[in-house]
Amino acid sequence: VMTRIIESFEGVVGEILGDGILAFWNTPDDVFSHPAKACAAALSQQQALGPLNEEFQKLGLPPLAIRIGIHTGEVLTGNIGCLSGKMKFGCMGDPVNLASRLEGLCKTYGVGVLCSQ
């Protein structure tokens, strides 16, 4: 559900790390108004939790809660890795780290989404 939402707003799912998703916009293709699309995807993901948690409750499963950090900036993107080992398309840099820290601060402030300015 969450990956489909990201892709529906022209985002790219770069990695699924345990219970987390690294998503990015505006690479490898230019995405018009990518900051707004990232924010819209985050809000749509939060809205999708209600029906998803209702289904989980019917199955006797615990509810899910998600936290999302959003930051925009210039990052290094491309094929990352080594030729003799694992390689993937991804992004890295300070903006990625800041988005991760914003996600962590969601718990401190009791919110589902935090965006930088």
Foldseek 3Di string as FASTA:
>chain_A
DLCVLCVVLVKDFFDCDPPDTDIGHCPPHGDPPRQVSVVVSLVVVQVVQVVVQVVCVVVVHHGDAAAWFEEDDDWDWDWDDDPVDDIGTDTDDDRSVNRVVQSVCCVVVVHRYDYDD
